[in-house]
Amino acid sequence: MKVTIEIECDNAAFDPDPAQELGRILRDTGALLQDQGVDGMPRPGDSRPIRDINGNTVGSLTVNE
């Protein structure tokens, strides 16, 4: 299984400090995966949106075989 995380950092949520927003997104994404446990683990073919602090979709988490 391969998990790919893609995030576009081109919108206002990443200004003036892109590292801060990127770190927040990665922490939130990791926490979501941990909270779901084994039964909630994404499976091959799954794709989930990743949202910035403003609620805009800025990327995705995709699971491949």
C-alpha atoms as a PDB file:
ATOM      1  CA  MET A   1       0.000   0.000   0.000  1.00  0.00           C
ATOM      2  CA  LYS A   2       1.212   3.499  -0.824  1.00  0.00           C
ATOM      3  CA  VAL A   3      -0.259   6.685   0.641  1.00  0.00           C
ATOM      4  CA  THR A   4       0.201   9.906  -1.315  1.00  0.00           C
ATOM      5  CA  ILE A   5      -0.477  13.313   0.202  1.00  0.00           C
ATOM      6  CA  GLU A   6      -0.679  16.237  -2.221  1.00  0.00           C
ATOM      7  CA  ILE A   7      -1.110  19.808  -0.993  1.00  0.00           C
ATOM      8  CA  GLU A   8      -1.261  22.995  -3.057  1.00  0.00           C
ATOM      9  CA  CYS A   9       0.164  25.901  -1.057  1.00  0.00           C
ATOM     10  CA  ASP A  10      -0.931  28.715  -3.383  1.00  0.00           C
ATOM     11  CA  ASN A  11      -3.822  30.295  -1.485  1.00  0.00           C
ATOM     12  CA  ALA A  12      -4.202  32.928   1.252  1.00  0.00           C
ATOM     13  CA  ALA A  13      -4.194  30.408   4.118  1.00  0.00           C
ATOM     14  CA  PHE A  14      -0.464  29.889   3.511  1.00  0.00           C
ATOM     15  CA  ASP A  15       0.410  33.616   3.730  1.00  0.00           C
ATOM     16  CA  PRO A  16       2.524  34.942   5.329  1.00  0.00           C
ATOM     17  CA  ASP A  17       3.928  31.693   6.814  1.00  0.00           C
ATOM     18  CA  PRO A  18       3.419  28.633   4.579  1.00  0.00           C
ATOM     19  CA  ALA A  19       5.266  26.327   7.004  1.00  0.00           C
ATOM     20  CA  GLN A  20       2.796  27.062   9.799  1.00  0.00           C
ATOM     21  CA  GLU A  21      -0.283  26.177   7.735  1.00  0.00           C
ATOM     22  CA  LEU A  22       1.402  23.146   6.167  1.00  0.00           C
ATOM     23  CA  GLY A  23       2.380  21.871   9.615  1.00  0.00           C
ATOM     24  CA  ARG A  24      -1.177  22.349  10.890  1.00  0.00           C
ATOM     25  CA  ILE A  25      -2.605  20.435   7.918  1.00  0.00           C
ATOM     26  CA  LEU A  26      -0.172  17.537   8.379  1.00  0.00           C
ATOM     27  CA  ARG A  27      -0.850  17.350  12.144  1.00  0.00           C
ATOM     28  CA  ASP A  28      -4.619  17.379  11.576  1.00  0.00           C
ATOM     29  CA  THR A  29      -4.369  14.727   8.861  1.00  0.00           C
ATOM     30  CA  GLY A  30      -2.221  12.506  11.080  1.00  0.00           C
ATOM     31  CA  ALA A  31      -4.572  12.930  14.042  1.00  0.00           C
ATOM     32  CA  LEU A  32      -7.550  12.022  11.874  1.00  0.00           C
ATOM     33  CA  LEU A  33      -5.858   8.798  10.751  1.00  0.00           C
ATOM     34  CA  GLN A  34      -4.890   7.896  14.328  1.00  0.00           C
ATOM     35  CA  ASP A  35      -8.383   8.553  15.675  1.00  0.00           C
ATOM     36  CA  GLN A  36      -9.947   6.258  13.081  1.00  0.00           C
ATOM     37  CA  GLY A  37      -7.923   3.246  14.234  1.00  0.00           C
ATOM     38  CA  VAL A  38      -7.358   0.067  12.224  1.00  0.00           C
ATOM     39  CA  ASP A  39     -10.987  -0.243  11.099  1.00  0.00           C
ATOM     40  CA  GLY A  40     -10.970   3.306   9.744  1.00  0.00           C
ATOM     41  CA  MET A  41      -7.652   2.987   7.930  1.00  0.00           C
ATOM     42  CA  PRO A  42      -7.962   4.099   4.322  1.00  0.00           C
ATOM     43  CA  ARG A  43      -7.955   1.257   1.839  1.00  0.00           C
ATOM     44  CA  PRO A  44      -6.531   1.111  -1.690  1.00  0.00           C
ATOM     45  CA  GLY A  45      -8.664   3.285  -3.936  1.00  0.00           C
ATOM     46  CA  ASP A  46      -9.685   5.655  -1.125  1.00  0.00           C
ATOM     47  CA  SER A  47      -9.120   9.371  -1.528  1.00  0.00           C
ATOM     48  CA  ARG A  48      -9.882  12.040   1.044  1.00  0.00           C
ATOM     49  CA  PRO A  49      -9.804  15.812   0.646  1.00  0.00           C
ATOM     50  CA  ILE A  50      -7.372  17.930   2.616  1.00  0.00           C
ATOM     51  CA  ARG A  51      -8.635  21.363   3.657  1.00  0.00           C
ATOM     52  CA  ASP A  52      -6.868  24.527   4.763  1.00  0.00           C
ATOM     53  CA  ILE A  53      -7.771  26.549   7.870  1.00  0.00           C
ATOM     54  CA  ASN A  54     -10.418  28.405   5.826  1.00  0.00           C
ATOM     55  CA  GLY A  55     -12.152  25.188   4.756  1.00  0.00           C
ATOM     56  CA  ASN A  56     -10.908  25.278   1.166  1.00  0.00           C
ATOM     57  CA  THR A  57      -9.843  22.003  -0.431  1.00  0.00           C
ATOM     58  CA  VAL A  58      -6.111  22.286  -1.049  1.00  0.00           C
ATOM     59  CA  GLY A  59      -5.185  18.677  -1.682  1.00  0.00           C
ATOM     60  CA  SER A  60      -5.884  15.039  -1.086  1.00  0.00           C
ATOM     61  CA  LEU A  61      -4.735  11.905   0.665  1.00  0.00           C
ATOM     62  CA  THR A  62      -4.884   8.985  -1.760  1.00  0.00           C
ATOM     63  CA  VAL A  63      -4.242   5.298  -1.086  1.00  0.00           C
ATOM     64  CA  ASN A  64      -2.808   3.133  -3.864  1.00  0.00           C
ATOM     65  CA  GLU A  65      -1.957  -0.569  -3.892  1.00  0.00           C
END
